[in-house]
């Protein structure tokens, strides 16, 4: 209790090259680092003071170790930023290819509906709306994934600046104090990031359905399009890629 009271009333004081004195022994410089308590102390603390028997090391050596951890963290953040940037590029590319694919699929549908124009005007509109809806839903997922990656980059940019600032601190005690304050967040940021994979989307079931639909148009018009596509998708599941979940 006495040591805690002394520590609370005796903050670090500037002294010598290090610029800080021991919080428990104010007449001595804080030149060691207690690994158990995460604090800078003087040479008496691990022998006679509140840190007796605790594992300690030179503050300068501990600062060097922390600077290495900071460098590793910065490199990890840079790698994760590149990964998120790559994710955004992949998502944008997938979105552009999906738009082209959607347009070509709608053009294919237009050609088939021409053969049955008098009976299939309404069906053509419904089929195109189905493609547009599926495309927009998937593009929205792509956009949300890309926005998430962008936000992660912003967070990492801000944290990189903070960590870089800590690493530039010339005073080992101040550097260690700042590192301890951000140690948990630094560990979280050094975990591997997840790669984003664009959600696959295929319009082949729609096209295959209308090949057969021409022959059975009279009997199927009374059934809603969603029901028809579900039935056709079940029949074609072993031949083509599945539709999105309805």
C-alpha atoms as a PDB file:
ATOM      1  CA  UNK A   1       0.000   0.000   0.000  1.00  0.00           C
ATOM      2  CA  UNK A   2       2.817   2.393   0.890  1.00  0.00           C
ATOM      3  CA  UNK A   3       4.540   1.823  -2.426  1.00  0.00           C
ATOM      4  CA  UNK A   4       1.271   2.430  -4.298  1.00  0.00           C
ATOM      5  CA  UNK A   5       0.720   5.717  -2.435  1.00  0.00           C
ATOM      6  CA  UNK A   6       4.273   6.836  -3.129  1.00  0.00           C
ATOM      7  CA  UNK A   7       3.881   5.833  -6.784  1.00  0.00           C
ATOM      8  CA  UNK A   8       0.630   7.798  -7.081  1.00  0.00           C
ATOM      9  CA  UNK A   9       2.161  10.912  -5.521  1.00  0.00           C
ATOM     10  CA  UNK A  10       5.518  10.760  -7.269  1.00  0.00           C
ATOM     11  CA  UNK A  11       5.055  10.896 -11.036  1.00  0.00           C
ATOM     12  CA  UNK A  12       8.032  10.561 -13.342  1.00  0.00           C
ATOM     13  CA  UNK A  13      10.419  13.482 -13.106  1.00  0.00           C
ATOM     14  CA  UNK A  14      12.910  14.538 -15.813  1.00  0.00           C
ATOM     15  CA  UNK A  15      16.420  13.335 -15.106  1.00  0.00           C
ATOM     16  CA  UNK A  16      19.540  12.885 -17.179  1.00  0.00           C
ATOM     17  CA  UNK A  17      19.628  11.407 -20.683  1.00  0.00           C
ATOM     18  CA  UNK A  18      16.420   9.416 -20.183  1.00  0.00           C
ATOM     19  CA  UNK A  19      14.449  12.402 -18.853  1.00  0.00           C
ATOM     20  CA  UNK A  20      12.483  10.357 -16.250  1.00  0.00           C
ATOM     21  CA  UNK A  21      12.910   9.361 -12.628  1.00  0.00           C
ATOM     22  CA  UNK A  22      11.616   6.293 -10.837  1.00  0.00           C
ATOM     23  CA  UNK A  23       8.074   6.783  -9.481  1.00  0.00           C
ATOM     24  CA  UNK A  24       8.990   4.912  -6.266  1.00  0.00           C
ATOM     25  CA  UNK A  25      12.561   6.160  -5.781  1.00  0.00           C
ATOM     26  CA  UNK A  26      12.422   9.717  -7.068  1.00  0.00           C
ATOM     27  CA  UNK A  27      16.161  10.239  -6.608  1.00  0.00           C
ATOM     28  CA  UNK A  28      16.974   7.502  -9.139  1.00  0.00           C
ATOM     29  CA  UNK A  29      16.555   7.409 -12.920  1.00  0.00           C
ATOM     30  CA  UNK A  30      13.996   4.990 -14.383  1.00  0.00           C
ATOM     31  CA  UNK A  31      16.441   2.936 -16.455  1.00  0.00           C
ATOM     32  CA  UNK A  32      14.822  -0.530 -16.217  1.00  0.00           C
ATOM     33  CA  UNK A  33      11.536  -1.939 -17.513  1.00  0.00           C
ATOM     34  CA  UNK A  34       9.414  -4.332 -15.416  1.00  0.00           C
ATOM     35  CA  UNK A  35       7.928  -6.848 -17.858  1.00  0.00           C
ATOM     36  CA  UNK A  36       5.331  -8.095 -15.364  1.00  0.00           C
ATOM     37  CA  UNK A  37       3.930  -4.650 -14.532  1.00  0.00           C
ATOM     38  CA  UNK A  38       4.721  -2.980 -17.844  1.00  0.00           C
ATOM     39  CA  UNK A  39       6.411   0.015 -16.166  1.00  0.00           C
ATOM     40  CA  UNK A  40       9.780   1.731 -16.150  1.00  0.00           C
ATOM     41  CA  UNK A  41      11.566   1.525 -12.779  1.00  0.00           C
ATOM     42  CA  UNK A  42      14.978   2.161 -11.248  1.00  0.00           C
ATOM     43  CA  UNK A  43      17.626  -0.414 -10.349  1.00  0.00           C
ATOM     44  CA  UNK A  44      16.432  -0.607  -6.716  1.00  0.00           C
ATOM     45  CA  UNK A  45      12.830  -1.573  -7.522  1.00  0.00           C
ATOM     46  CA  UNK A  46      13.448  -5.226  -8.497  1.00  0.00           C
ATOM     47  CA  UNK A  47      15.761  -5.649  -5.497  1.00  0.00           C
ATOM     48  CA  UNK A  48      14.160  -3.696  -2.655  1.00  0.00           C
ATOM     49  CA  UNK A  49      11.032  -2.080  -4.048  1.00  0.00           C
ATOM     50  CA  UNK A  50       7.531  -3.024  -5.144  1.00  0.00           C
ATOM     51  CA  UNK A  51       8.904  -4.882  -8.193  1.00  0.00           C
ATOM     52  CA  UNK A  52      11.061  -7.263  -6.154  1.00  0.00           C
ATOM     53  CA  UNK A  53      11.582 -10.549  -7.990  1.00  0.00           C
ATOM     54  CA  UNK A  54       9.862  -9.315 -11.147  1.00  0.00           C
ATOM     55  CA  UNK A  55      11.493  -9.937 -14.529  1.00  0.00           C
ATOM     56  CA  UNK A  56      13.156  -6.711 -15.658  1.00  0.00           C
ATOM     57  CA  UNK A  57      15.412  -5.527 -18.433  1.00  0.00           C
ATOM     58  CA  UNK A  58      17.060  -2.342 -19.612  1.00  0.00           C
ATOM     59  CA  UNK A  59      14.563   0.226 -20.838  1.00  0.00           C
ATOM     60  CA  UNK A  60      16.725   0.863 -23.882  1.00  0.00           C
ATOM     61  CA  UNK A  61      16.733  -2.843 -24.807  1.00  0.00           C
ATOM     62  CA  UNK A  62      12.983  -3.104 -24.241  1.00  0.00           C
ATOM     63  CA  UNK A  63      12.481  -0.017 -26.393  1.00  0.00           C
ATOM     64  CA  UNK A  64      14.497  -1.654 -29.185  1.00  0.00           C
ATOM     65  CA  UNK A  65      12.278  -4.755 -28.928  1.00  0.00           C
ATOM     66  CA  UNK A  66       9.138  -2.628 -29.008  1.00  0.00           C
ATOM     67  CA  UNK A  67      10.412  -0.680 -32.003  1.00  0.00           C
ATOM     68  CA  UNK A  68      10.885  -4.023 -33.797  1.00  0.00           C
ATOM     69  CA  UNK A  69       7.277  -4.947 -32.927  1.00  0.00           C
ATOM     70  CA  UNK A  70       6.128  -1.568 -34.195  1.00  0.00           C
ATOM     71  CA  UNK A  71       7.996  -2.093 -37.455  1.00  0.00           C
ATOM     72  CA  UNK A  72       6.430  -5.543 -37.826  1.00  0.00           C
ATOM     73  CA  UNK A  73       3.001  -4.050 -37.168  1.00  0.00           C
ATOM     74  CA  UNK A  74       3.543  -1.313 -39.759  1.00  0.00           C
ATOM     75  CA  UNK A  75       4.619  -3.894 -42.336  1.00  0.00           C
ATOM     76  CA  UNK A  76       1.571  -6.031 -41.510  1.00  0.00           C
ATOM     77  CA  UNK A  77      -0.710  -3.011 -41.872  1.00  0.00           C
ATOM     78  CA  UNK A  78       0.848  -2.140 -45.225  1.00  0.00           C
ATOM     79  CA  UNK A  79       0.290  -5.697 -46.450  1.00  0.00           C
ATOM     80  CA  UNK A  80      -3.331  -5.696 -45.301  1.00  0.00           C
ATOM     81  CA  UNK A  81      -3.922  -2.346 -46.997  1.00  0.00           C
ATOM     82  CA  UNK A  82      -2.602  -3.771 -50.265  1.00  0.00           C
ATOM     83  CA  UNK A  83      -4.881  -6.800 -49.838  1.00  0.00           C
ATOM     84  CA  UNK A  84      -7.932  -4.621 -49.283  1.00  0.00           C
ATOM     85  CA  UNK A  85      -6.991  -2.485 -52.281  1.00  0.00           C
ATOM     86  CA  UNK A  86      -6.723  -5.685 -54.348  1.00  0.00           C
ATOM     87  CA  UNK A  87     -10.121  -6.775 -53.008  1.00  0.00           C
ATOM     88  CA  UNK A  88     -11.667  -3.517 -54.202  1.00  0.00           C
ATOM     89  CA  UNK A  89     -10.083  -3.937 -57.639  1.00  0.00           C
ATOM     90  CA  UNK A  90     -11.380  -7.526 -57.905  1.00  0.00           C
ATOM     91  CA  UNK A  91     -14.869  -6.490 -56.823  1.00  0.00           C
ATOM     92  CA  UNK A  92     -14.985  -3.601 -59.274  1.00  0.00           C
ATOM     93  CA  UNK A  93     -13.727  -5.845 -62.075  1.00  0.00           C
ATOM     94  CA  UNK A  94     -16.297  -8.505 -61.215  1.00  0.00           C
ATOM     95  CA  UNK A  95     -19.011  -5.850 -61.204  1.00  0.00           C
ATOM     96  CA  UNK A  96     -18.041  -4.608 -64.666  1.00  0.00           C
ATOM     97  CA  UNK A  97     -17.927  -8.148 -66.046  1.00  0.00           C
ATOM     98  CA  UNK A  98     -21.272  -8.888 -64.463  1.00  0.00           C
ATOM     99  CA  UNK A  99     -22.797  -5.829 -66.129  1.00  0.00           C
ATOM    100  CA  UNK A 100     -21.487  -6.991 -69.517  1.00  0.00           C
ATOM    101  CA  UNK A 101     -22.769 -10.491 -68.851  1.00  0.00           C
ATOM    102  CA  UNK A 102     -26.171  -9.140 -67.801  1.00  0.00           C
ATOM    103  CA  UNK A 103     -26.423  -7.069 -70.987  1.00  0.00           C
ATOM    104  CA  UNK A 104     -25.475 -10.041 -73.185  1.00  0.00           C
ATOM    105  CA  UNK A 105     -28.003 -12.253 -71.413  1.00  0.00           C
ATOM    106  CA  UNK A 106     -30.747  -9.688 -71.936  1.00  0.00           C
ATOM    107  CA  UNK A 107     -29.811  -9.478 -75.610  1.00  0.00           C
ATOM    108  CA  UNK A 108     -30.091 -13.268 -75.856  1.00  0.00           C
ATOM    109  CA  UNK A 109     -33.523 -13.119 -74.280  1.00  0.00           C
ATOM    110  CA  UNK A 110     -34.625 -10.431 -76.719  1.00  0.00           C
ATOM    111  CA  UNK A 111     -33.723 -12.681 -79.660  1.00  0.00           C
ATOM    112  CA  UNK A 112     -35.775 -15.569 -78.259  1.00  0.00           C
ATOM    113  CA  UNK A 113     -38.747 -13.439 -77.369  1.00  0.00           C
ATOM    114  CA  UNK A 114     -38.886 -12.104 -80.917  1.00  0.00           C
ATOM    115  CA  UNK A 115     -40.044 -15.546 -82.067  1.00  0.00           C
ATOM    116  CA  UNK A 116     -43.046 -15.323 -79.771  1.00  0.00           C
ATOM    117  CA  UNK A 117     -43.535 -11.558 -79.638  1.00  0.00           C
ATOM    118  CA  UNK A 118     -47.335 -11.557 -79.589  1.00  0.00           C
ATOM    119  CA  UNK A 119     -47.510 -13.978 -76.681  1.00  0.00           C
ATOM    120  CA  UNK A 120     -44.305 -13.146 -74.837  1.00  0.00           C
ATOM    121  CA  UNK A 121     -44.117  -9.341 -74.574  1.00  0.00           C
ATOM    122  CA  UNK A 122     -45.008  -9.463 -70.892  1.00  0.00           C
ATOM    123  CA  UNK A 123     -42.770 -12.476 -70.282  1.00  0.00           C
ATOM    124  CA  UNK A 124     -39.802 -10.697 -71.837  1.00  0.00           C
ATOM    125  CA  UNK A 125     -40.242  -7.719 -69.517  1.00  0.00           C
ATOM    126  CA  UNK A 126     -40.510  -9.994 -66.465  1.00  0.00           C
ATOM    127  CA  UNK A 127     -37.432 -11.977 -67.444  1.00  0.00           C
ATOM    128  CA  UNK A 128     -35.343  -8.821 -67.914  1.00  0.00           C
ATOM    129  CA  UNK A 129     -36.556  -7.445 -64.614  1.00  0.00           C
ATOM    130  CA  UNK A 130     -35.487 -10.690 -62.983  1.00  0.00           C
ATOM    131  CA  UNK A 131     -31.974 -10.332 -64.401  1.00  0.00           C
ATOM    132  CA  UNK A 132     -31.823  -6.671 -63.432  1.00  0.00           C
ATOM    133  CA  UNK A 133     -32.976  -7.414 -59.888  1.00  0.00           C
ATOM    134  CA  UNK A 134     -30.490 -10.273 -59.456  1.00  0.00           C
ATOM    135  CA  UNK A 135     -27.729  -8.144 -60.961  1.00  0.00           C
ATOM    136  CA  UNK A 136     -28.470  -5.146 -58.747  1.00  0.00           C
ATOM    137  CA  UNK A 137     -28.634  -7.282 -55.608  1.00  0.00           C
ATOM    138  CA  UNK A 138     -25.279  -8.844 -56.439  1.00  0.00           C
ATOM    139  CA  UNK A 139     -23.745  -5.486 -57.378  1.00  0.00           C
ATOM    140  CA  UNK A 140     -24.969  -4.103 -54.063  1.00  0.00           C
ATOM    141  CA  UNK A 141     -23.139  -6.907 -52.274  1.00  0.00           C
ATOM    142  CA  UNK A 142     -20.006  -6.054 -54.270  1.00  0.00           C
ATOM    143  CA  UNK A 143     -20.342  -2.371 -53.388  1.00  0.00           C
ATOM    144  CA  UNK A 144     -20.830  -3.120 -49.713  1.00  0.00           C
ATOM    145  CA  UNK A 145     -17.782  -5.383 -49.684  1.00  0.00           C
ATOM    146  CA  UNK A 146     -15.722  -2.733 -51.455  1.00  0.00           C
ATOM    147  CA  UNK A 147     -16.940  -0.040 -49.018  1.00  0.00           C
ATOM    148  CA  UNK A 148     -16.027  -2.259 -46.075  1.00  0.00           C
ATOM    149  CA  UNK A 149     -12.521  -2.733 -47.488  1.00  0.00           C
ATOM    150  CA  UNK A 150     -12.241   1.029 -48.010  1.00  0.00           C
ATOM    151  CA  UNK A 151     -13.269   1.730 -44.416  1.00  0.00           C
ATOM    152  CA  UNK A 152     -10.741  -0.827 -43.173  1.00  0.00           C
ATOM    153  CA  UNK A 153      -8.042   0.989 -45.147  1.00  0.00           C
ATOM    154  CA  UNK A 154      -9.048   4.300 -43.526  1.00  0.00           C
ATOM    155  CA  UNK A 155      -8.897   2.734 -40.075  1.00  0.00           C
ATOM    156  CA  UNK A 156      -5.491   1.223 -40.805  1.00  0.00           C
ATOM    157  CA  UNK A 157      -4.210   4.534 -42.221  1.00  0.00           C
ATOM    158  CA  UNK A 158      -5.171   6.293 -38.997  1.00  0.00           C
ATOM    159  CA  UNK A 159      -3.672   3.549 -36.835  1.00  0.00           C
ATOM    160  CA  UNK A 160      -0.523   3.432 -38.985  1.00  0.00           C
ATOM    161  CA  UNK A 161      -0.007   7.146 -38.341  1.00  0.00           C
ATOM    162  CA  UNK A 162      -0.418   6.634 -34.608  1.00  0.00           C
ATOM    163  CA  UNK A 163       1.934   3.640 -34.514  1.00  0.00           C
ATOM    164  CA  UNK A 164       4.484   5.432 -36.677  1.00  0.00           C
ATOM    165  CA  UNK A 165       4.395   8.353 -34.250  1.00  0.00           C
ATOM    166  CA  UNK A 166       5.074   5.993 -31.344  1.00  0.00           C
ATOM    167  CA  UNK A 167       7.974   4.453 -33.206  1.00  0.00           C
ATOM    168  CA  UNK A 168       9.512   7.912 -33.744  1.00  0.00           C
ATOM    169  CA  UNK A 169       9.502   8.756 -30.013  1.00  0.00           C
ATOM    170  CA  UNK A 170      13.173   9.233 -29.001  1.00  0.00           C
ATOM    171  CA  UNK A 171      12.527   8.822 -25.282  1.00  0.00           C
ATOM    172  CA  UNK A 172      12.402   5.088 -24.453  1.00  0.00           C
ATOM    173  CA  UNK A 173      10.140   5.542 -21.425  1.00  0.00           C
ATOM    174  CA  UNK A 174       7.591   7.609 -23.309  1.00  0.00           C
ATOM    175  CA  UNK A 175       7.794   5.161 -26.216  1.00  0.00           C
ATOM    176  CA  UNK A 176       7.108   2.218 -23.891  1.00  0.00           C
ATOM    177  CA  UNK A 177       4.210   3.990 -22.210  1.00  0.00           C
ATOM    178  CA  UNK A 178       2.627   4.804 -25.572  1.00  0.00           C
ATOM    179  CA  UNK A 179       3.238   1.247 -26.759  1.00  0.00           C
ATOM    180  CA  UNK A 180       1.570  -0.277 -23.691  1.00  0.00           C
ATOM    181  CA  UNK A 181      -1.484   1.950 -24.325  1.00  0.00           C
ATOM    182  CA  UNK A 182      -1.832   0.651 -27.889  1.00  0.00           C
ATOM    183  CA  UNK A 183      -0.485  -2.892 -27.421  1.00  0.00           C
ATOM    184  CA  UNK A 184      -3.898  -4.604 -27.523  1.00  0.00           C
ATOM    185  CA  UNK A 185      -5.072  -2.745 -30.617  1.00  0.00           C
ATOM    186  CA  UNK A 186      -1.721  -3.360 -32.294  1.00  0.00           C
ATOM    187  CA  UNK A 187      -2.084  -7.094 -31.717  1.00  0.00           C
ATOM    188  CA  UNK A 188      -5.580  -7.037 -33.218  1.00  0.00           C
ATOM    189  CA  UNK A 189      -4.367  -5.199 -36.311  1.00  0.00           C
ATOM    190  CA  UNK A 190      -1.526  -7.673 -36.840  1.00  0.00           C
ATOM    191  CA  UNK A 191      -3.941 -10.554 -37.369  1.00  0.00           C
ATOM    192  CA  UNK A 192      -4.308 -11.699 -41.016  1.00  0.00           C
ATOM    193  CA  UNK A 193      -7.084 -10.062 -43.048  1.00  0.00           C
ATOM    194  CA  UNK A 194      -9.715 -11.963 -44.962  1.00  0.00           C
ATOM    195  CA  UNK A 195      -9.847 -12.001 -48.739  1.00  0.00           C
ATOM    196  CA  UNK A 196     -13.103 -10.977 -50.369  1.00  0.00           C
ATOM    197  CA  UNK A 197     -14.564 -13.243 -53.036  1.00  0.00           C
ATOM    198  CA  UNK A 198     -17.217 -11.844 -55.398  1.00  0.00           C
ATOM    199  CA  UNK A 199     -20.512 -13.725 -55.175  1.00  0.00           C
ATOM    200  CA  UNK A 200     -20.937 -15.836 -58.357  1.00  0.00           C
ATOM    201  CA  UNK A 201     -24.057 -15.200 -60.406  1.00  0.00           C
ATOM    202  CA  UNK A 202     -25.234 -17.100 -63.490  1.00  0.00           C
ATOM    203  CA  UNK A 203     -28.093 -16.381 -65.884  1.00  0.00           C
ATOM    204  CA  UNK A 204     -27.719 -19.689 -67.708  1.00  0.00           C
ATOM    205  CA  UNK A 205     -30.792 -21.195 -65.978  1.00  0.00           C
ATOM    206  CA  UNK A 206     -32.912 -18.358 -67.390  1.00  0.00           C
ATOM    207  CA  UNK A 207     -31.627 -18.926 -70.903  1.00  0.00           C
ATOM    208  CA  UNK A 208     -31.989 -22.707 -70.729  1.00  0.00           C
ATOM    209  CA  UNK A 209     -35.479 -22.379 -69.365  1.00  0.00           C
ATOM    210  CA  UNK A 210     -36.699 -20.333 -72.319  1.00  0.00           C
ATOM    211  CA  UNK A 211     -35.337 -22.844 -74.809  1.00  0.00           C
ATOM    212  CA  UNK A 212     -37.822 -25.327 -73.394  1.00  0.00           C
ATOM    213  CA  UNK A 213     -40.379 -22.672 -72.599  1.00  0.00           C
ATOM    214  CA  UNK A 214     -41.102 -22.028 -76.282  1.00  0.00           C
ATOM    215  CA  UNK A 215     -42.512 -25.536 -76.656  1.00  0.00           C
ATOM    216  CA  UNK A 216     -44.681 -25.349 -73.557  1.00  0.00           C
ATOM    217  CA  UNK A 217     -45.638 -21.660 -73.534  1.00  0.00           C
ATOM    218  CA  UNK A 218     -49.399 -22.246 -73.519  1.00  0.00           C
ATOM    219  CA  UNK A 219     -49.332 -24.404 -70.371  1.00  0.00           C
ATOM    220  CA  UNK A 220     -46.813 -22.403 -68.375  1.00  0.00           C
ATOM    221  CA  UNK A 221     -48.066 -18.821 -68.702  1.00  0.00           C
ATOM    222  CA  UNK A 222     -50.507 -19.347 -65.844  1.00  0.00           C
ATOM    223  CA  UNK A 223     -47.635 -20.192 -63.461  1.00  0.00           C
ATOM    224  CA  UNK A 224     -45.680 -17.268 -61.872  1.00  0.00           C
ATOM    225  CA  UNK A 225     -42.148 -16.805 -63.234  1.00  0.00           C
ATOM    226  CA  UNK A 226     -40.478 -17.383 -59.871  1.00  0.00           C
ATOM    227  CA  UNK A 227     -42.186 -20.768 -59.565  1.00  0.00           C
ATOM    228  CA  UNK A 228     -41.285 -21.748 -63.105  1.00  0.00           C
ATOM    229  CA  UNK A 229     -37.635 -20.803 -62.662  1.00  0.00           C
ATOM    230  CA  UNK A 230     -37.435 -22.703 -59.390  1.00  0.00           C
ATOM    231  CA  UNK A 231     -38.798 -25.839 -61.036  1.00  0.00           C
ATOM    232  CA  UNK A 232     -36.505 -25.452 -64.038  1.00  0.00           C
ATOM    233  CA  UNK A 233     -33.487 -24.760 -61.800  1.00  0.00           C
ATOM    234  CA  UNK A 234     -34.169 -27.978 -59.885  1.00  0.00           C
ATOM    235  CA  UNK A 235     -34.277 -29.951 -63.136  1.00  0.00           C
ATOM    236  CA  UNK A 236     -31.097 -28.331 -64.484  1.00  0.00           C
ATOM    237  CA  UNK A 237     -29.117 -28.333 -61.212  1.00  0.00           C
ATOM    238  CA  UNK A 238     -26.885 -31.144 -62.472  1.00  0.00           C
ATOM    239  CA  UNK A 239     -26.165 -29.365 -65.749  1.00  0.00           C
ATOM    240  CA  UNK A 240     -25.669 -25.676 -64.972  1.00  0.00           C
ATOM    241  CA  UNK A 241     -24.592 -23.355 -62.168  1.00  0.00           C
ATOM    242  CA  UNK A 242     -27.332 -22.691 -59.572  1.00  0.00           C
ATOM    243  CA  UNK A 243     -29.343 -19.506 -59.355  1.00  0.00           C
ATOM    244  CA  UNK A 244     -29.056 -17.151 -56.403  1.00  0.00           C
ATOM    245  CA  UNK A 245     -31.179 -18.064 -53.376  1.00  0.00           C
ATOM    246  CA  UNK A 246     -34.724 -16.825 -53.767  1.00  0.00           C
END
